[in-house]
Structure formats: C-alpha cells, structure tokens
C-alpha atoms as a PDB file:
ATOM      1  CA  UNK A   1       0.000   0.000   0.000  1.00  0.00           C
ATOM      2  CA  UNK A   2       2.742   2.469   0.886  1.00  0.00           C
ATOM      3  CA  UNK A   3       4.013   3.066  -2.712  1.00  0.00           C
ATOM      4  CA  UNK A   4       0.497   4.222  -3.682  1.00  0.00           C
ATOM      5  CA  UNK A   5       0.450   7.043  -1.120  1.00  0.00           C
ATOM      6  CA  UNK A   6       1.539  10.411  -2.599  1.00  0.00           C
ATOM      7  CA  UNK A   7       4.862  11.697  -1.272  1.00  0.00           C
ATOM      8  CA  UNK A   8       3.117  14.914  -0.272  1.00  0.00           C
ATOM      9  CA  UNK A   9       1.245  12.902   2.374  1.00  0.00           C
ATOM     10  CA  UNK A  10       4.353  11.237   3.842  1.00  0.00           C
ATOM     11  CA  UNK A  11       4.131  13.265   7.077  1.00  0.00           C
ATOM     12  CA  UNK A  12       0.518  12.143   7.523  1.00  0.00           C
ATOM     13  CA  UNK A  13       1.214   8.392   7.517  1.00  0.00           C
ATOM     14  CA  UNK A  14       1.200   6.292  10.680  1.00  0.00           C
ATOM     15  CA  UNK A  15       2.419   2.760  10.023  1.00  0.00           C
ATOM     16  CA  UNK A  16       1.666   0.392  12.889  1.00  0.00           C
ATOM     17  CA  UNK A  17       3.559  -2.877  12.569  1.00  0.00           C
ATOM     18  CA  UNK A  18       3.199  -4.948  15.780  1.00  0.00           C
ATOM     19  CA  UNK A  19       5.927  -7.334  14.593  1.00  0.00           C
ATOM     20  CA  UNK A  20       8.540  -4.534  14.786  1.00  0.00           C
ATOM     21  CA  UNK A  21       9.940  -5.395  18.226  1.00  0.00           C
ATOM     22  CA  UNK A  22      12.796  -2.861  17.910  1.00  0.00           C
ATOM     23  CA  UNK A  23      10.338   0.074  17.943  1.00  0.00           C
ATOM     24  CA  UNK A  24       7.122  -1.097  19.649  1.00  0.00           C
ATOM     25  CA  UNK A  25       4.155   1.289  19.363  1.00  0.00           C
ATOM     26  CA  UNK A  26       1.705   1.306  22.250  1.00  0.00           C
ATOM     27  CA  UNK A  27      -2.031   0.827  21.953  1.00  0.00           C
ATOM     28  CA  UNK A  28      -4.043   0.995  25.163  1.00  0.00           C
ATOM     29  CA  UNK A  29      -7.557  -0.431  25.101  1.00  0.00           C
ATOM     30  CA  UNK A  30      -8.295   1.117  28.524  1.00  0.00           C
ATOM     31  CA  UNK A  31      -7.791   4.774  27.546  1.00  0.00           C
ATOM     32  CA  UNK A  32     -10.888   6.918  28.114  1.00  0.00           C
ATOM     33  CA  UNK A  33     -11.527  10.670  28.037  1.00  0.00           C
ATOM     34  CA  UNK A  34     -14.540  10.846  30.384  1.00  0.00           C
ATOM     35  CA  UNK A  35     -16.466   8.807  32.950  1.00  0.00           C
ATOM     36  CA  UNK A  36     -19.139   7.999  30.343  1.00  0.00           C
ATOM     37  CA  UNK A  37     -16.463   6.824  27.932  1.00  0.00           C
ATOM     38  CA  UNK A  38     -15.015   4.556  30.643  1.00  0.00           C
ATOM     39  CA  UNK A  39     -18.275   2.596  30.654  1.00  0.00           C
ATOM     40  CA  UNK A  40     -18.129   2.235  26.868  1.00  0.00           C
ATOM     41  CA  UNK A  41     -14.460   1.207  26.989  1.00  0.00           C
ATOM     42  CA  UNK A  42     -15.169  -1.397  29.683  1.00  0.00           C
ATOM     43  CA  UNK A  43     -18.073  -2.875  27.690  1.00  0.00           C
ATOM     44  CA  UNK A  44     -16.056  -2.933  24.468  1.00  0.00           C
ATOM     45  CA  UNK A  45     -13.123  -4.578  26.249  1.00  0.00           C
ATOM     46  CA  UNK A  46     -15.526  -7.194  27.622  1.00  0.00           C
ATOM     47  CA  UNK A  47     -17.011  -7.796  24.150  1.00  0.00           C
ATOM     48  CA  UNK A  48     -13.483  -8.312  22.808  1.00  0.00           C
ATOM     49  CA  UNK A  49     -12.736 -10.959  25.436  1.00  0.00           C
ATOM     50  CA  UNK A  50     -16.020 -12.749  24.711  1.00  0.00           C
ATOM     51  CA  UNK A  51     -15.201 -12.685  20.992  1.00  0.00           C
ATOM     52  CA  UNK A  52     -11.709 -14.126  21.614  1.00  0.00           C
ATOM     53  CA  UNK A  53     -12.629 -16.832  24.129  1.00  0.00           C
ATOM     54  CA  UNK A  54     -16.342 -17.466  23.506  1.00  0.00           C
ATOM     55  CA  UNK A  55     -19.154 -16.827  25.994  1.00  0.00           C
ATOM     56  CA  UNK A  56     -18.968 -20.326  27.476  1.00  0.00           C
ATOM     57  CA  UNK A  57     -15.282 -20.073  28.452  1.00  0.00           C
ATOM     58  CA  UNK A  58     -15.460 -16.367  29.335  1.00  0.00           C
ATOM     59  CA  UNK A  59     -18.687 -16.853  31.272  1.00  0.00           C
ATOM     60  CA  UNK A  60     -20.767 -14.559  33.532  1.00  0.00           C
ATOM     61  CA  UNK A  61     -18.550 -14.951  36.637  1.00  0.00           C
ATOM     62  CA  UNK A  62     -15.362 -14.168  34.711  1.00  0.00           C
ATOM     63  CA  UNK A  63     -17.138 -11.265  32.987  1.00  0.00           C
ATOM     64  CA  UNK A  64     -18.077  -9.862  36.402  1.00  0.00           C
ATOM     65  CA  UNK A  65     -14.441  -9.953  37.550  1.00  0.00           C
ATOM     66  CA  UNK A  66     -13.214  -8.440  34.296  1.00  0.00           C
ATOM     67  CA  UNK A  67     -15.766  -5.591  34.072  1.00  0.00           C
ATOM     68  CA  UNK A  68     -15.254  -4.437  37.660  1.00  0.00           C
ATOM     69  CA  UNK A  69     -11.508  -4.939  37.320  1.00  0.00           C
ATOM     70  CA  UNK A  70     -11.081  -2.691  34.283  1.00  0.00           C
ATOM     71  CA  UNK A  71     -13.366   0.007  35.739  1.00  0.00           C
ATOM     72  CA  UNK A  72     -11.221  -0.054  38.884  1.00  0.00           C
ATOM     73  CA  UNK A  73      -8.022   0.277  36.864  1.00  0.00           C
ATOM     74  CA  UNK A  74      -9.364   3.147  34.735  1.00  0.00           C
ATOM     75  CA  UNK A  75     -10.131   5.262  37.821  1.00  0.00           C
ATOM     76  CA  UNK A  76      -6.485   5.186  38.898  1.00  0.00           C
ATOM     77  CA  UNK A  77      -4.888   8.622  38.189  1.00  0.00           C
ATOM     78  CA  UNK A  78      -1.533   7.103  37.207  1.00  0.00           C
ATOM     79  CA  UNK A  79      -3.016   5.331  34.188  1.00  0.00           C
ATOM     80  CA  UNK A  80      -3.431   1.642  33.479  1.00  0.00           C
ATOM     81  CA  UNK A  81      -3.089  -1.034  30.815  1.00  0.00           C
ATOM     82  CA  UNK A  82      -4.787  -4.338  30.057  1.00  0.00           C
ATOM     83  CA  UNK A  83      -1.743  -6.169  31.408  1.00  0.00           C
ATOM     84  CA  UNK A  84      -2.588  -4.798  34.902  1.00  0.00           C
ATOM     85  CA  UNK A  85      -5.792  -6.857  35.135  1.00  0.00           C
ATOM     86  CA  UNK A  86      -3.952 -10.000  36.225  1.00  0.00           C
ATOM     87  CA  UNK A  87      -1.914  -8.163  38.858  1.00  0.00           C
ATOM     88  CA  UNK A  88      -5.088  -6.568  40.252  1.00  0.00           C
ATOM     89  CA  UNK A  89      -6.309  -9.968  41.445  1.00  0.00           C
ATOM     90  CA  UNK A  90      -2.978 -11.535  42.427  1.00  0.00           C
ATOM     91  CA  UNK A  91      -1.044  -8.670  44.098  1.00  0.00           C
ATOM     92  CA  UNK A  92      -2.699  -7.488  47.347  1.00  0.00           C
ATOM     93  CA  UNK A  93      -0.740  -4.220  47.622  1.00  0.00           C
ATOM     94  CA  UNK A  94      -1.411  -3.313  43.991  1.00  0.00           C
ATOM     95  CA  UNK A  95      -5.112  -4.070  44.492  1.00  0.00           C
ATOM     96  CA  UNK A  96      -5.301  -1.993  47.698  1.00  0.00           C
ATOM     97  CA  UNK A  97      -3.728   1.016  45.942  1.00  0.00           C
ATOM     98  CA  UNK A  98      -6.181   0.818  43.004  1.00  0.00           C
ATOM     99  CA  UNK A  99      -9.227   0.373  45.220  1.00  0.00           C
ATOM    100  CA  UNK A 100      -8.447   3.652  47.015  1.00  0.00           C
ATOM    101  CA  UNK A 101      -9.127   5.713  43.872  1.00  0.00           C
ATOM    102  CA  UNK A 102     -12.403   4.089  42.729  1.00  0.00           C
ATOM    103  CA  UNK A 103     -15.016   6.739  41.859  1.00  0.00           C
ATOM    104  CA  UNK A 104     -17.950   4.555  40.853  1.00  0.00           C
ATOM    105  CA  UNK A 105     -19.988   3.560  43.957  1.00  0.00           C
ATOM    106  CA  UNK A 106     -21.271   0.414  42.203  1.00  0.00           C
ATOM    107  CA  UNK A 107     -17.719  -0.793  41.520  1.00  0.00           C
ATOM    108  CA  UNK A 108     -16.686   0.074  45.073  1.00  0.00           C
ATOM    109  CA  UNK A 109     -19.706  -1.873  46.333  1.00  0.00           C
ATOM    110  CA  UNK A 110     -18.671  -4.903  44.266  1.00  0.00           C
ATOM    111  CA  UNK A 111     -15.271  -4.982  45.975  1.00  0.00           C
ATOM    112  CA  UNK A 112     -16.658  -4.297  49.468  1.00  0.00           C
ATOM    113  CA  UNK A 113     -19.618  -6.651  49.255  1.00  0.00           C
ATOM    114  CA  UNK A 114     -19.380  -9.275  46.517  1.00  0.00           C
ATOM    115  CA  UNK A 115     -15.607  -9.791  46.339  1.00  0.00           C
ATOM    116  CA  UNK A 116     -15.008  -9.391  50.081  1.00  0.00           C
ATOM    117  CA  UNK A 117     -17.597 -12.080  50.879  1.00  0.00           C
ATOM    118  CA  UNK A 118     -16.096 -14.671  48.525  1.00  0.00           C
ATOM    119  CA  UNK A 119     -14.459 -17.529  50.383  1.00  0.00           C
ATOM    120  CA  UNK A 120     -10.781 -18.315  49.978  1.00  0.00           C
ATOM    121  CA  UNK A 121     -11.659 -21.578  48.250  1.00  0.00           C
ATOM    122  CA  UNK A 122     -13.823 -19.761  45.697  1.00  0.00           C
ATOM    123  CA  UNK A 123     -11.092 -17.188  45.043  1.00  0.00           C
ATOM    124  CA  UNK A 124      -8.535 -19.981  44.833  1.00  0.00           C
ATOM    125  CA  UNK A 125     -10.566 -21.637  42.081  1.00  0.00           C
ATOM    126  CA  UNK A 126     -11.677 -18.662  40.016  1.00  0.00           C
ATOM    127  CA  UNK A 127      -8.586 -16.394  40.128  1.00  0.00           C
ATOM    128  CA  UNK A 128      -6.170 -18.940  38.544  1.00  0.00           C
ATOM    129  CA  UNK A 129      -8.837 -19.680  35.897  1.00  0.00           C
ATOM    130  CA  UNK A 130      -9.191 -15.938  35.304  1.00  0.00           C
ATOM    131  CA  UNK A 131      -5.401 -15.443  35.220  1.00  0.00           C
ATOM    132  CA  UNK A 132      -4.944 -18.239  32.680  1.00  0.00           C
ATOM    133  CA  UNK A 133      -6.982 -16.253  30.131  1.00  0.00           C
ATOM    134  CA  UNK A 134      -4.540 -13.340  30.180  1.00  0.00           C
ATOM    135  CA  UNK A 135      -1.255 -15.182  30.621  1.00  0.00           C
ATOM    136  CA  UNK A 136      -0.957 -15.742  26.859  1.00  0.00           C
ATOM    137  CA  UNK A 137      -0.500 -12.107  25.914  1.00  0.00           C
ATOM    138  CA  UNK A 138       0.978 -10.875  29.202  1.00  0.00           C
ATOM    139  CA  UNK A 139       3.892 -13.325  29.022  1.00  0.00           C
ATOM    140  CA  UNK A 140       4.314 -12.719  25.274  1.00  0.00           C
ATOM    141  CA  UNK A 141       7.013 -10.011  25.009  1.00  0.00           C
ATOM    142  CA  UNK A 142       5.814  -8.769  21.616  1.00  0.00           C
ATOM    143  CA  UNK A 143       2.243  -8.250  22.888  1.00  0.00           C
ATOM    144  CA  UNK A 144       3.257  -6.946  26.311  1.00  0.00           C
ATOM    145  CA  UNK A 145       5.332  -4.188  24.694  1.00  0.00           C
ATOM    146  CA  UNK A 146       2.261  -3.030  22.750  1.00  0.00           C
ATOM    147  CA  UNK A 147      -0.740  -3.428  25.067  1.00  0.00           C
ATOM    148  CA  UNK A 148       1.251  -2.899  28.278  1.00  0.00           C
ATOM    149  CA  UNK A 149       1.811   0.820  27.626  1.00  0.00           C
ATOM    150  CA  UNK A 150      -0.413   3.219  29.559  1.00  0.00           C
ATOM    151  CA  UNK A 151      -0.327   5.815  26.768  1.00  0.00           C
ATOM    152  CA  UNK A 152      -1.068   4.995  23.145  1.00  0.00           C
ATOM    153  CA  UNK A 153       1.538   6.016  20.556  1.00  0.00           C
ATOM    154  CA  UNK A 154      -1.036   7.553  18.236  1.00  0.00           C
ATOM    155  CA  UNK A 155      -4.423   9.227  18.643  1.00  0.00           C
ATOM    156  CA  UNK A 156      -7.092   7.813  16.347  1.00  0.00           C
ATOM    157  CA  UNK A 157      -9.409  10.779  16.952  1.00  0.00           C
ATOM    158  CA  UNK A 158      -6.592  13.074  15.760  1.00  0.00           C
ATOM    159  CA  UNK A 159      -6.155  10.837  12.687  1.00  0.00           C
ATOM    160  CA  UNK A 160      -9.836  11.262  11.851  1.00  0.00           C
ATOM    161  CA  UNK A 161     -10.028  14.994  12.418  1.00  0.00           C
ATOM    162  CA  UNK A 162      -6.841  15.761  10.474  1.00  0.00           C
ATOM    163  CA  UNK A 163      -7.260  13.253   7.630  1.00  0.00           C
ATOM    164  CA  UNK A 164      -4.193  11.207   8.476  1.00  0.00           C
ATOM    165  CA  UNK A 165      -3.491   7.759   7.047  1.00  0.00           C
ATOM    166  CA  UNK A 166      -3.225   4.873   9.521  1.00  0.00           C
ATOM    167  CA  UNK A 167      -1.927   1.601   8.067  1.00  0.00           C
ATOM    168  CA  UNK A 168      -1.967  -1.448  10.350  1.00  0.00           C
ATOM    169  CA  UNK A 169      -0.220  -4.711   9.500  1.00  0.00           C
ATOM    170  CA  UNK A 170      -1.926  -7.612  11.286  1.00  0.00           C
ATOM    171  CA  UNK A 171      -0.270 -10.427   9.358  1.00  0.00           C
ATOM    172  CA  UNK A 172      -1.168 -13.686  11.104  1.00  0.00           C
ATOM    173  CA  UNK A 173       1.955 -15.347   9.756  1.00  0.00           C
ATOM    174  CA  UNK A 174       4.075 -13.236  12.098  1.00  0.00           C
ATOM    175  CA  UNK A 175       1.706 -12.423  14.967  1.00  0.00           C
ATOM    176  CA  UNK A 176      -0.352 -15.616  15.126  1.00  0.00           C
ATOM    177  CA  UNK A 177      -4.160 -15.799  14.990  1.00  0.00           C
ATOM    178  CA  UNK A 178      -4.887 -14.854  18.596  1.00  0.00           C
ATOM    179  CA  UNK A 179      -2.602 -11.805  18.769  1.00  0.00           C
ATOM    180  CA  UNK A 180      -3.705 -10.567  15.349  1.00  0.00           C
ATOM    181  CA  UNK A 181      -7.373 -10.852  16.331  1.00  0.00           C
ATOM    182  CA  UNK A 182      -6.840  -9.134  19.689  1.00  0.00           C
ATOM    183  CA  UNK A 183      -5.041  -6.117  18.179  1.00  0.00           C
ATOM    184  CA  UNK A 184      -7.558  -5.845  15.347  1.00  0.00           C
ATOM    185  CA  UNK A 185     -10.496  -5.932  17.759  1.00  0.00           C
ATOM    186  CA  UNK A 186      -8.900  -3.236  19.936  1.00  0.00           C
ATOM    187  CA  UNK A 187      -8.285  -0.976  16.933  1.00  0.00           C
ATOM    188  CA  UNK A 188     -11.814  -1.334  15.535  1.00  0.00           C
ATOM    189  CA  UNK A 189     -13.214  -0.524  18.988  1.00  0.00           C
ATOM    190  CA  UNK A 190     -11.030   2.578  19.297  1.00  0.00           C
ATOM    191  CA  UNK A 191     -11.979   3.758  15.797  1.00  0.00           C
ATOM    192  CA  UNK A 192     -15.661   3.368  16.671  1.00  0.00           C
ATOM    193  CA  UNK A 193     -15.234   5.380  19.890  1.00  0.00           C
ATOM    194  CA  UNK A 194     -13.284   8.088  18.053  1.00  0.00           C
ATOM    195  CA  UNK A 195     -16.147   8.357  15.559  1.00  0.00           C
ATOM    196  CA  UNK A 196     -18.720   8.647  18.373  1.00  0.00           C
ATOM    197  CA  UNK A 197     -16.670  11.482  19.932  1.00  0.00           C
ATOM    198  CA  UNK A 198     -17.506  13.502  16.833  1.00  0.00           C
ATOM    199  CA  UNK A 199     -20.967  14.209  18.250  1.00  0.00           C
ATOM    200  CA  UNK A 200     -19.351  17.216  19.966  1.00  0.00           C
ATOM    201  CA  UNK A 201     -18.065  18.476  16.593  1.00  0.00           C
ATOM    202  CA  UNK A 202     -20.279  20.553  14.301  1.00  0.00           C
ATOM    203  CA  UNK A 203     -21.585  18.507  11.336  1.00  0.00           C
ATOM    204  CA  UNK A 204     -19.840  20.806   8.872  1.00  0.00           C
ATOM    205  CA  UNK A 205     -16.493  20.091  10.545  1.00  0.00           C
ATOM    206  CA  UNK A 206     -16.758  16.282  10.442  1.00  0.00           C
ATOM    207  CA  UNK A 207     -14.419  15.156   7.683  1.00  0.00           C
ATOM    208  CA  UNK A 208     -14.837  11.817   5.920  1.00  0.00           C
ATOM    209  CA  UNK A 209     -12.742   8.994   7.333  1.00  0.00           C
ATOM    210  CA  UNK A 210     -12.726   5.496   5.847  1.00  0.00           C
ATOM    211  CA  UNK A 211     -12.000   2.256   7.639  1.00  0.00           C
ATOM    212  CA  UNK A 212     -10.892  -0.634   5.413  1.00  0.00           C
ATOM    213  CA  UNK A 213     -10.857  -4.085   7.038  1.00  0.00           C
ATOM    214  CA  UNK A 214      -9.757  -7.236   5.236  1.00  0.00           C
ATOM    215  CA  UNK A 215     -11.087 -10.556   6.651  1.00  0.00           C
ATOM    216  CA  UNK A 216     -13.301  -8.330   8.770  1.00  0.00           C
ATOM    217  CA  UNK A 217     -15.227 -11.152  10.469  1.00  0.00           C
ATOM    218  CA  UNK A 218     -12.134 -11.701  12.651  1.00  0.00           C
ATOM    219  CA  UNK A 219     -12.042  -8.142  13.966  1.00  0.00           C
ATOM    220  CA  UNK A 220     -15.549  -7.199  15.006  1.00  0.00           C
ATOM    221  CA  UNK A 221     -17.735  -7.732  18.066  1.00  0.00           C
ATOM    222  CA  UNK A 222     -21.417  -7.058  18.732  1.00  0.00           C
ATOM    223  CA  UNK A 223     -20.597  -3.343  18.424  1.00  0.00           C
ATOM    224  CA  UNK A 224     -20.585  -3.797  14.615  1.00  0.00           C
ATOM    225  CA  UNK A 225     -24.346  -3.112  14.711  1.00  0.00           C
ATOM    226  CA  UNK A 226     -23.671   0.249  16.290  1.00  0.00           C
ATOM    227  CA  UNK A 227     -20.926   1.053  13.782  1.00  0.00           C
ATOM    228  CA  UNK A 228     -23.098   0.094  10.807  1.00  0.00           C
ATOM    229  CA  UNK A 229     -26.195   1.978  11.910  1.00  0.00           C
ATOM    230  CA  UNK A 230     -24.693   5.069  13.562  1.00  0.00           C
ATOM    231  CA  UNK A 231     -21.176   5.721  12.270  1.00  0.00           C
ATOM    232  CA  UNK A 232     -22.341   7.168   8.951  1.00  0.00           C
ATOM    233  CA  UNK A 233     -23.702  10.290  10.678  1.00  0.00           C
ATOM    234  CA  UNK A 234     -20.244  10.763  12.173  1.00  0.00           C
ATOM    235  CA  UNK A 235     -18.768  10.460   8.646  1.00  0.00           C
ATOM    236  CA  UNK A 236     -17.049   7.113   9.255  1.00  0.00           C
ATOM    237  CA  UNK A 237     -17.157   5.044   6.066  1.00  0.00           C
ATOM    238  CA  UNK A 238     -16.705   1.267   6.135  1.00  0.00           C
ATOM    239  CA  UNK A 239     -15.158  -0.922   3.453  1.00  0.00           C
ATOM    240  CA  UNK A 240     -15.181  -4.517   4.689  1.00  0.00           C
ATOM    241  CA  UNK A 241     -13.945  -7.549   2.777  1.00  0.00           C
ATOM    242  CA  UNK A 242     -14.062 -11.301   3.257  1.00  0.00           C
ATOM    243  CA  UNK A 243     -14.319 -14.408   1.117  1.00  0.00           C
ATOM    244  CA  UNK A 244     -17.653 -16.198   1.494  1.00  0.00           C
ATOM    245  CA  UNK A 245     -20.973 -15.844   3.355  1.00  0.00           C
ATOM    246  CA  UNK A 246     -20.391 -18.888   5.567  1.00  0.00           C
ATOM    247  CA  UNK A 247     -17.701 -16.944   7.437  1.00  0.00           C
ATOM    248  CA  UNK A 248     -20.308 -14.506   8.740  1.00  0.00           C
ATOM    249  CA  UNK A 249     -22.550 -17.272  10.096  1.00  0.00           C
ATOM    250  CA  UNK A 250     -19.553 -19.149  11.495  1.00  0.00           C
ATOM    251  CA  UNK A 251     -18.518 -16.039  13.425  1.00  0.00           C
ATOM    252  CA  UNK A 252     -21.894 -15.926  15.214  1.00  0.00           C
ATOM    253  CA  UNK A 253     -21.790 -19.627  16.072  1.00  0.00           C
ATOM    254  CA  UNK A 254     -18.329 -19.333  17.625  1.00  0.00           C
ATOM    255  CA  UNK A 255     -19.105 -16.377  19.856  1.00  0.00           C
ATOM    256  CA  UNK A 256     -22.714 -17.374  20.673  1.00  0.00           C
ATOM    257  CA  UNK A 257     -23.477 -13.794  19.698  1.00  0.00           C
ATOM    258  CA  UNK A 258     -27.002 -12.392  19.722  1.00  0.00           C
ATOM    259  CA  UNK A 259     -26.129 -10.420  16.609  1.00  0.00           C
ATOM    260  CA  UNK A 260     -26.594 -12.085  13.247  1.00  0.00           C
ATOM    261  CA  UNK A 261     -23.578 -10.644  11.461  1.00  0.00           C
ATOM    262  CA  UNK A 262     -24.916 -11.397   7.992  1.00  0.00           C
ATOM    263  CA  UNK A 263     -28.230  -9.642   8.761  1.00  0.00           C
ATOM    264  CA  UNK A 264     -26.414  -6.672  10.310  1.00  0.00           C
ATOM    265  CA  UNK A 265     -24.308  -6.245   7.173  1.00  0.00           C
ATOM    266  CA  UNK A 266     -27.075  -6.703   4.614  1.00  0.00           C
ATOM    267  CA  UNK A 267     -29.522  -4.615   6.654  1.00  0.00           C
ATOM    268  CA  UNK A 268     -27.240  -1.612   6.340  1.00  0.00           C
END
C-alpha cells in the first residue's frame, strides 16, 4: 500500500507494525476521556474478550471480575493497561492502591460486598482460571510491549479529524491468529469510539474517514451493529472484505453472539 500514497502525504502516515519489536508502538484499550467513555471502553473490552474466548469459556462470573476490574483500573490517576488486570487480582498491595481511587460507587460496592464475601476456596478456584486467560499475551514479550503501555503512541481521533493515514499490519503469519485478532479488535473498537466522539463536533467540521478491514469477520464484536447503523452520521465510512458468506454465520456460532452478522451487514 505504501508506494500508492503520494509523497506529499508522507508526514501524515502512521504505520503500525506490531511485529517490529525494535520500535514497539503502544495501543491501550483502557484509555478513556470521560467517565461515560469509561463505561463504553469497559463494555467494548468485555465484548473483545467474549469474541476471543467465547461466551462459554469467558462466562458470567469471569465477565463480572473483568468488568469491575477494568473500571477499577481506569479510575487510577496514574493510568493503566490491560496487562494490569492480572496483577489486580494476584497482588494485594497493587489491588489496595487501586481500590483507594475508585469513583464509581457500584464498583466500590462490588469490591466491598461481593468480592469481600467470597471464600478463599472460591477465590482460589476462580482467580487462577481468570489469570490463565490473560497469561498468553501478558507473558508474550511482543504483545506486552504493545498493550502494556499506559499511553497509546497515536491518537485515532486526531487521525480522523486531520485526515491522516493509519496503516496497520496484522499479518497472522508473524503475529499468530490470537494476537492478530486481539489487536484488530482493539483498533476497531477505538476507531468506533473516536467516531462517536464527533458528536461534539459541528456537522460541517466532520471530515470523511474510511475504515478498510480485510477478513473483517475476525475483527468485530457485537458493536458492529452500532458502527453500521450510527457511524455514517459521524462520517465514518466502512469498506469490509471477506471471502464467502459462511464466514459470517460461522462467526456468530463461535461467539454465541445475539447479533446475526450477515443480517447486520445486509440490513445496512
């Protein structure tokens, strides 16, 4: 793609190659600009985990831990990253420090009531099971260098507003299926949230921004319905490509999703 971009736009290109371990660029799924956005970020992060692991493996109990965990981390003034979620439940001092800065009374109540009343046996069973889900990308140096940074290396909202060109290489041959899917899901979520932030921008000032996704069934969650039905008013265009219709139905079967991906696409 790069040879097709005019040289006059060279300063506007951001090339994100996760396989470049010499110069890792950070991307933080848990970055939010307001308390309302924190709720959206937490739900999107949860949807990503359900997409990756399936709703049977990443079940209601694990979802409860994860949702309250990420909301706790996001309230901490010093910043946070997805890699902190494991430490939150295994390091008592780290947990105590993060619990002090919780703003949401519902999240505080979960720690003080629900979590505090869990027996040691229950915690001993569920926490290692929970930790095992995140060990794969926390112990992976390539992934840890990217998602373990508290500040992202580029601002997608800035890309949209200033017509920059963001090229992301998610080659599965180098990254592997799981890592490629995780990074793709995070990026699509962040692009959606950046588009929604445009509601504070006058319609005349919303410039067209196009998102191209190849093999898109691997990189979307239930939020695709929201992107398809609402993003157009925020001037986010979608060009999605895949190979055959069965992939869309297969995606729903794997994630036990309530959204029929094929219907969502054709309906829009």
